[in-house]
Amino acid sequence: MLPTYKLEPRTVAIQVALFKSAIRSARAGDSRRVAGIESKDWRKNLMSQVMESIDAKAFLSGWLHGLQGMYAADIRAIPEEKWTATFGGCTRPANELTGDALAMLEWVTDAIRGNVRATYGPEDMEGLTEKCRTREGAITALKASTQAFNDALNAASNETLLKPIMAPWGMESPLYSLAQIAVSHIWYHDGQLNYIQCLLGDDKVHWMGD
């Protein structure tokens, strides 16, 4: 089962304050020298302090759990006959957008497990796009990918999550940062589903329960 993590406003405010404090401390540490040795890069210090200050795994896992529910609600809001439709220009169908979202999540899942692929290409997205050809297929694929990510995340050590790796788009960053990007990337594509709903004359906010 996916863990639940209720994002109360007070909890979020406390975590934001801790995050800001970690930034200040990490930046200060970057300029200090101890026994003639310069401290480690402030970004790595920041990630380490954040990991120690909050339950970073539970927070990210909980956010993904929330996104899974929101995304699934938006999938169901698009009629089946419009699920694979395009809307002119270079628009992409909803099942392809979903395949794109899951491809990045699965790349990060593999990286957490120790298999850092140099890239994820069209073949990865094509396979997932096909799995998402129907709305129920998309929801099943979404649940499977989020479950696999959470299992890998919860089993990973802090050392693994703090390890810098090279992302397919050429940015080196701690693995945990890339995991955050991959999770929020689902929200990015959820916004595209919302726009498709608008094009179909649907102005309800389905991810909030409308």
C-alpha atoms as a PDB file:
ATOM      1  CA  MET A   1       0.000   0.000   0.000  1.00  0.00           C
ATOM      2  CA  LEU A   2       1.115   3.555  -0.664  1.00  0.00           C
ATOM      3  CA  PRO A   3       1.805   5.493   2.552  1.00  0.00           C
ATOM      4  CA  THR A   4      -0.528   8.350   3.388  1.00  0.00           C
ATOM      5  CA  TYR A   5       0.820  11.755   4.378  1.00  0.00           C
ATOM      6  CA  LYS A   6      -1.657  14.538   5.109  1.00  0.00           C
ATOM      7  CA  LEU A   7      -0.192  17.911   4.130  1.00  0.00           C
ATOM      8  CA  GLU A   8      -1.584  20.161   6.855  1.00  0.00           C
ATOM      9  CA  PRO A   9      -0.843  23.901   6.356  1.00  0.00           C
ATOM     10  CA  ARG A  10       1.018  24.072   9.679  1.00  0.00           C
ATOM     11  CA  THR A  11       3.169  21.074   8.741  1.00  0.00           C
ATOM     12  CA  VAL A  12       4.054  22.598   5.387  1.00  0.00           C
ATOM     13  CA  ALA A  13       4.899  25.945   7.044  1.00  0.00           C
ATOM     14  CA  ILE A  14       7.245  24.230   9.508  1.00  0.00           C
ATOM     15  CA  GLN A  15       8.959  22.305   6.721  1.00  0.00           C
ATOM     16  CA  VAL A  16       9.388  25.451   4.631  1.00  0.00           C
ATOM     17  CA  ALA A  17      10.990  27.178   7.632  1.00  0.00           C
ATOM     18  CA  LEU A  18      13.333  24.219   8.119  1.00  0.00           C
ATOM     19  CA  PHE A  19      14.188  24.246   4.428  1.00  0.00           C
ATOM     20  CA  LYS A  20      15.081  27.959   4.549  1.00  0.00           C
ATOM     21  CA  SER A  21      17.166  27.391   7.665  1.00  0.00           C
ATOM     22  CA  ALA A  22      18.982  24.528   5.943  1.00  0.00           C
ATOM     23  CA  ILE A  23      19.763  26.789   2.977  1.00  0.00           C
ATOM     24  CA  ARG A  24      21.270  29.450   5.261  1.00  0.00           C
ATOM     25  CA  SER A  25      23.307  26.881   7.179  1.00  0.00           C
ATOM     26  CA  ALA A  26      24.500  25.074   4.082  1.00  0.00           C
ATOM     27  CA  ARG A  27      25.559  28.302   2.367  1.00  0.00           C
ATOM     28  CA  ALA A  28      27.407  29.401   5.482  1.00  0.00           C
ATOM     29  CA  GLY A  29      29.125  26.029   5.675  1.00  0.00           C
ATOM     30  CA  ASP A  30      30.279  26.344   2.082  1.00  0.00           C
ATOM     31  CA  SER A  31      32.328  29.435   2.894  1.00  0.00           C
ATOM     32  CA  ARG A  32      33.990  28.000   6.000  1.00  0.00           C
ATOM     33  CA  ARG A  33      37.262  26.113   6.124  1.00  0.00           C
ATOM     34  CA  VAL A  34      37.872  23.446   8.748  1.00  0.00           C
ATOM     35  CA  ALA A  35      41.487  22.429   9.335  1.00  0.00           C
ATOM     36  CA  GLY A  36      42.375  24.038   6.021  1.00  0.00           C
ATOM     37  CA  ILE A  37      39.847  21.956   4.050  1.00  0.00           C
ATOM     38  CA  GLU A  38      36.980  23.743   2.344  1.00  0.00           C
ATOM     39  CA  SER A  39      33.564  22.375   3.242  1.00  0.00           C
ATOM     40  CA  LYS A  40      31.631  20.353   0.690  1.00  0.00           C
ATOM     41  CA  ASP A  41      29.441  21.962  -1.937  1.00  0.00           C
ATOM     42  CA  TRP A  42      26.612  23.852  -0.252  1.00  0.00           C
ATOM     43  CA  ARG A  43      23.943  22.105  -2.306  1.00  0.00           C
ATOM     44  CA  LYS A  44      25.038  18.734  -0.974  1.00  0.00           C
ATOM     45  CA  ASN A  45      25.086  20.195   2.541  1.00  0.00           C
ATOM     46  CA  LEU A  46      21.588  21.514   1.940  1.00  0.00           C
ATOM     47  CA  MET A  47      20.229  18.164   0.812  1.00  0.00           C
ATOM     48  CA  SER A  48      21.845  16.393   3.757  1.00  0.00           C
ATOM     49  CA  GLN A  49      20.372  18.834   6.255  1.00  0.00           C
ATOM     50  CA  VAL A  50      16.946  18.666   4.667  1.00  0.00           C
ATOM     51  CA  MET A  51      17.038  14.865   4.783  1.00  0.00           C
ATOM     52  CA  GLU A  52      17.846  15.075   8.500  1.00  0.00           C
ATOM     53  CA  SER A  53      15.411  17.910   9.302  1.00  0.00           C
ATOM     54  CA  ILE A  54      12.254  16.385   7.829  1.00  0.00           C
ATOM     55  CA  ASP A  55      11.062  12.955   6.867  1.00  0.00           C
ATOM     56  CA  ALA A  56      11.987  13.624   3.260  1.00  0.00           C
ATOM     57  CA  LYS A  57      10.992  10.175   2.039  1.00  0.00           C
ATOM     58  CA  ALA A  58       7.538  10.346   3.618  1.00  0.00           C
ATOM     59  CA  PHE A  59       7.000  13.875   2.326  1.00  0.00           C
ATOM     60  CA  LEU A  60       7.867  12.980  -1.278  1.00  0.00           C
ATOM     61  CA  SER A  61       6.019   9.668  -1.126  1.00  0.00           C
ATOM     62  CA  GLY A  62       2.960  11.433   0.268  1.00  0.00           C
ATOM     63  CA  TRP A  63       3.083  14.098  -2.434  1.00  0.00           C
ATOM     64  CA  LEU A  64       3.247  11.405  -5.119  1.00  0.00           C
ATOM     65  CA  HIS A  65       0.322   9.598  -3.502  1.00  0.00           C
ATOM     66  CA  GLY A  66      -1.694  12.820  -3.670  1.00  0.00           C
ATOM     67  CA  LEU A  67      -0.694  13.412  -7.296  1.00  0.00           C
ATOM     68  CA  GLN A  68      -1.715   9.876  -8.213  1.00  0.00           C
ATOM     69  CA  GLY A  69      -5.213  10.558  -6.941  1.00  0.00           C
ATOM     70  CA  MET A  70      -5.450  13.944  -8.673  1.00  0.00           C
ATOM     71  CA  TYR A  71      -4.125  12.617 -11.969  1.00  0.00           C
ATOM     72  CA  ALA A  72      -6.455   9.608 -11.894  1.00  0.00           C
ATOM     73  CA  ALA A  73      -9.433  11.926 -11.318  1.00  0.00           C
ATOM     74  CA  ASP A  74      -8.425  13.976 -14.372  1.00  0.00           C
ATOM     75  CA  ILE A  75      -8.008  10.821 -16.457  1.00  0.00           C
ATOM     76  CA  ARG A  76     -11.564   9.778 -15.636  1.00  0.00           C
ATOM     77  CA  ALA A  77     -12.861  13.258 -16.520  1.00  0.00           C
ATOM     78  CA  ILE A  78     -11.782  12.943 -20.162  1.00  0.00           C
ATOM     79  CA  PRO A  79     -14.257  10.933 -22.277  1.00  0.00           C
ATOM     80  CA  GLU A  80     -12.886   7.624 -23.538  1.00  0.00           C
ATOM     81  CA  GLU A  81     -13.461   8.639 -27.155  1.00  0.00           C
ATOM     82  CA  LYS A  82     -11.319  11.761 -26.620  1.00  0.00           C
ATOM     83  CA  TRP A  83      -8.569  10.062 -24.619  1.00  0.00           C
ATOM     84  CA  THR A  84      -6.365   9.411 -27.664  1.00  0.00           C
ATOM     85  CA  ALA A  85      -7.505  12.456 -29.672  1.00  0.00           C
ATOM     86  CA  THR A  86      -5.354  15.443 -30.671  1.00  0.00           C
ATOM     87  CA  PHE A  87      -6.569  19.014 -30.932  1.00  0.00           C
ATOM     88  CA  GLY A  88      -4.706  20.582 -33.846  1.00  0.00           C
ATOM     89  CA  GLY A  89      -1.199  21.912 -34.325  1.00  0.00           C
ATOM     90  CA  CYS A  90       1.414  19.830 -32.515  1.00  0.00           C
ATOM     91  CA  THR A  91      -0.855  18.774 -29.654  1.00  0.00           C
ATOM     92  CA  ARG A  92      -0.373  15.314 -28.179  1.00  0.00           C
ATOM     93  CA  PRO A  93      -3.102  12.951 -26.970  1.00  0.00           C
ATOM     94  CA  ALA A  94      -3.680  12.420 -23.275  1.00  0.00           C
ATOM     95  CA  ASN A  95      -2.370   8.863 -23.327  1.00  0.00           C
ATOM     96  CA  GLU A  96       0.954  10.075 -24.773  1.00  0.00           C
ATOM     97  CA  LEU A  97       1.219  12.835 -22.169  1.00  0.00           C
ATOM     98  CA  THR A  98       0.674  10.222 -19.484  1.00  0.00           C
ATOM     99  CA  GLY A  99       3.314   7.946 -20.997  1.00  0.00           C
ATOM    100  CA  ASP A 100       5.729  10.892 -20.933  1.00  0.00           C
ATOM    101  CA  ALA A 101       5.017  11.560 -17.263  1.00  0.00           C
ATOM    102  CA  LEU A 102       5.535   7.928 -16.283  1.00  0.00           C
ATOM    103  CA  ALA A 103       8.693   7.513 -18.380  1.00  0.00           C
ATOM    104  CA  MET A 104      10.576  10.045 -16.254  1.00  0.00           C
ATOM    105  CA  LEU A 105       9.245   8.534 -13.036  1.00  0.00           C
ATOM    106  CA  GLU A 106      10.369   5.071 -14.108  1.00  0.00           C
ATOM    107  CA  TRP A 107      13.800   6.400 -15.110  1.00  0.00           C
ATOM    108  CA  VAL A 108      14.282   7.778 -11.600  1.00  0.00           C
ATOM    109  CA  THR A 109      12.967   4.554 -10.060  1.00  0.00           C
ATOM    110  CA  ASP A 110      15.625   2.611 -11.966  1.00  0.00           C
ATOM    111  CA  ALA A 111      18.279   5.136 -10.897  1.00  0.00           C
ATOM    112  CA  ILE A 112      17.331   4.732  -7.221  1.00  0.00           C
ATOM    113  CA  ARG A 113      17.734   0.985  -7.649  1.00  0.00           C
ATOM    114  CA  GLY A 114      21.228   1.518  -9.072  1.00  0.00           C
ATOM    115  CA  ASN A 115      20.507   1.370 -12.792  1.00  0.00           C
ATOM    116  CA  VAL A 116      21.290   4.883 -14.019  1.00  0.00           C
ATOM    117  CA  ARG A 117      20.375   4.877 -17.702  1.00  0.00           C
ATOM    118  CA  ALA A 118      22.031   7.536 -19.853  1.00  0.00           C
ATOM    119  CA  THR A 119      18.660   8.521 -21.249  1.00  0.00           C
ATOM    120  CA  TYR A 120      15.070   7.509 -21.670  1.00  0.00           C
ATOM    121  CA  GLY A 121      14.005   7.711 -25.267  1.00  0.00           C
ATOM    122  CA  PRO A 122      11.002   7.435 -27.553  1.00  0.00           C
ATOM    123  CA  GLU A 123      10.913   3.652 -27.146  1.00  0.00           C
ATOM    124  CA  ASP A 124      10.336   4.028 -23.396  1.00  0.00           C
ATOM    125  CA  MET A 125       7.539   6.535 -23.918  1.00  0.00           C
ATOM    126  CA  GLU A 126       6.007   4.512 -26.762  1.00  0.00           C
ATOM    127  CA  GLY A 127       5.666   1.430 -24.583  1.00  0.00           C
ATOM    128  CA  LEU A 128       4.032   3.394 -21.791  1.00  0.00           C
ATOM    129  CA  THR A 129       1.842   5.313 -24.241  1.00  0.00           C
ATOM    130  CA  GLU A 130       0.505   1.993 -25.507  1.00  0.00           C
ATOM    131  CA  LYS A 131      -0.164   0.818 -21.939  1.00  0.00           C
ATOM    132  CA  CYS A 132      -2.123   4.050 -21.451  1.00  0.00           C
ATOM    133  CA  ARG A 133      -4.226   3.655 -24.617  1.00  0.00           C
ATOM    134  CA  THR A 134      -7.391   3.364 -22.508  1.00  0.00           C
ATOM    135  CA  ARG A 135      -8.262   5.371 -19.423  1.00  0.00           C
ATOM    136  CA  GLU A 136      -8.302   2.313 -17.187  1.00  0.00           C
ATOM    137  CA  GLY A 137      -5.014   1.189 -18.677  1.00  0.00           C
ATOM    138  CA  ALA A 138      -3.551   4.603 -17.862  1.00  0.00           C
ATOM    139  CA  ILE A 139      -4.768   4.453 -14.269  1.00  0.00           C
ATOM    140  CA  THR A 140      -3.336   0.941 -13.885  1.00  0.00           C
ATOM    141  CA  ALA A 141       0.030   2.060 -15.300  1.00  0.00           C
ATOM    142  CA  LEU A 142       0.022   5.151 -13.071  1.00  0.00           C
ATOM    143  CA  LYS A 143      -0.599   3.081  -9.953  1.00  0.00           C
ATOM    144  CA  ALA A 144       2.084   0.558 -10.906  1.00  0.00           C
ATOM    145  CA  SER A 145       4.707   3.238 -11.587  1.00  0.00           C
ATOM    146  CA  THR A 146       3.982   5.164  -8.390  1.00  0.00           C
ATOM    147  CA  GLN A 147       4.051   1.973  -6.321  1.00  0.00           C
ATOM    148  CA  ALA A 148       7.400   0.952  -7.838  1.00  0.00           C
ATOM    149  CA  PHE A 149       8.830   4.422  -7.182  1.00  0.00           C
ATOM    150  CA  ASN A 150       7.699   4.434  -3.554  1.00  0.00           C
ATOM    151  CA  ASP A 151       9.053   0.940  -2.956  1.00  0.00           C
ATOM    152  CA  ALA A 152      12.450   1.961  -4.364  1.00  0.00           C
ATOM    153  CA  LEU A 153      12.454   5.267  -2.471  1.00  0.00           C
ATOM    154  CA  ASN A 154      11.610   3.715   0.888  1.00  0.00           C
ATOM    155  CA  ALA A 155      14.290   1.033   0.459  1.00  0.00           C
ATOM    156  CA  ALA A 156      17.040   3.514  -0.509  1.00  0.00           C
ATOM    157  CA  SER A 157      19.646   4.808   1.916  1.00  0.00           C
ATOM    158  CA  ASN A 158      20.296   8.506   2.432  1.00  0.00           C
ATOM    159  CA  GLU A 159      23.709   7.986   0.849  1.00  0.00           C
ATOM    160  CA  THR A 160      22.050   6.709  -2.309  1.00  0.00           C
ATOM    161  CA  LEU A 161      19.601   9.604  -2.455  1.00  0.00           C
ATOM    162  CA  LEU A 162      22.336  12.186  -1.897  1.00  0.00           C
ATOM    163  CA  LYS A 163      24.598  10.773  -4.596  1.00  0.00           C
ATOM    164  CA  PRO A 164      25.034  13.176  -7.555  1.00  0.00           C
ATOM    165  CA  ILE A 165      24.040  11.646 -10.879  1.00  0.00           C
ATOM    166  CA  MET A 166      23.687  12.984 -14.413  1.00  0.00           C
ATOM    167  CA  ALA A 167      20.121  13.414 -15.638  1.00  0.00           C
ATOM    168  CA  PRO A 168      19.269  12.593 -19.272  1.00  0.00           C
ATOM    169  CA  TRP A 169      18.927  16.324 -19.990  1.00  0.00           C
ATOM    170  CA  GLY A 170      22.519  16.997 -18.895  1.00  0.00           C
ATOM    171  CA  MET A 171      22.008  18.316 -15.346  1.00  0.00           C
ATOM    172  CA  GLU A 172      24.007  16.766 -12.524  1.00  0.00           C
ATOM    173  CA  SER A 173      22.109  16.792  -9.262  1.00  0.00           C
ATOM    174  CA  PRO A 174      21.589  14.686  -6.126  1.00  0.00           C
ATOM    175  CA  LEU A 175      19.311  11.778  -6.916  1.00  0.00           C
ATOM    176  CA  TYR A 176      16.730  13.015  -4.404  1.00  0.00           C
ATOM    177  CA  SER A 177      16.442  16.314  -6.298  1.00  0.00           C
ATOM    178  CA  LEU A 178      15.835  14.435  -9.545  1.00  0.00           C
ATOM    179  CA  ALA A 179      13.235  12.318  -7.757  1.00  0.00           C
ATOM    180  CA  GLN A 180      11.435  15.529  -6.737  1.00  0.00           C
ATOM    181  CA  ILE A 181      11.488  16.719 -10.354  1.00  0.00           C
ATOM    182  CA  ALA A 182      10.106  13.407 -11.622  1.00  0.00           C
ATOM    183  CA  VAL A 183       7.272  13.423  -9.108  1.00  0.00           C
ATOM    184  CA  SER A 184       6.263  17.023  -9.828  1.00  0.00           C
ATOM    185  CA  HIS A 185       6.593  16.310 -13.562  1.00  0.00           C
ATOM    186  CA  ILE A 186       3.350  14.339 -13.162  1.00  0.00           C
ATOM    187  CA  TRP A 187       1.659  17.527 -11.949  1.00  0.00           C
ATOM    188  CA  TYR A 188       2.973  19.351 -15.018  1.00  0.00           C
ATOM    189  CA  HIS A 189       1.275  16.858 -17.312  1.00  0.00           C
ATOM    190  CA  ASP A 190      -1.851  16.905 -15.152  1.00  0.00           C
ATOM    191  CA  GLY A 191      -2.129  20.582 -16.083  1.00  0.00           C
ATOM    192  CA  GLN A 192      -2.180  19.528 -19.723  1.00  0.00           C
ATOM    193  CA  LEU A 193      -5.052  17.140 -18.989  1.00  0.00           C
ATOM    194  CA  ASN A 194      -6.868  20.073 -17.392  1.00  0.00           C
ATOM    195  CA  TYR A 195      -6.412  22.084 -20.589  1.00  0.00           C
ATOM    196  CA  ILE A 196      -7.790  19.227 -22.683  1.00  0.00           C
ATOM    197  CA  GLN A 197     -10.835  19.215 -20.414  1.00  0.00           C
ATOM    198  CA  CYS A 198     -11.272  22.951 -21.062  1.00  0.00           C
ATOM    199  CA  LEU A 199     -11.062  22.386 -24.825  1.00  0.00           C
ATOM    200  CA  LEU A 200     -13.895  19.899 -24.406  1.00  0.00           C
ATOM    201  CA  GLY A 201     -16.016  22.455 -22.567  1.00  0.00           C
ATOM    202  CA  ASP A 202     -15.398  21.051 -19.091  1.00  0.00           C
ATOM    203  CA  ASP A 203     -14.461  23.770 -16.575  1.00  0.00           C
ATOM    204  CA  LYS A 204     -14.747  21.673 -13.403  1.00  0.00           C
ATOM    205  CA  VAL A 205     -11.756  21.090 -11.118  1.00  0.00           C
ATOM    206  CA  HIS A 206     -11.894  17.310 -11.041  1.00  0.00           C
ATOM    207  CA  TRP A 207      -8.664  16.812  -9.108  1.00  0.00           C
ATOM    208  CA  MET A 208     -10.312  18.677  -6.211  1.00  0.00           C
ATOM    209  CA  GLY A 209     -13.368  16.443  -6.341  1.00  0.00           C
ATOM    210  CA  ASP A 210     -15.709  18.460  -8.574  1.00  0.00           C
END
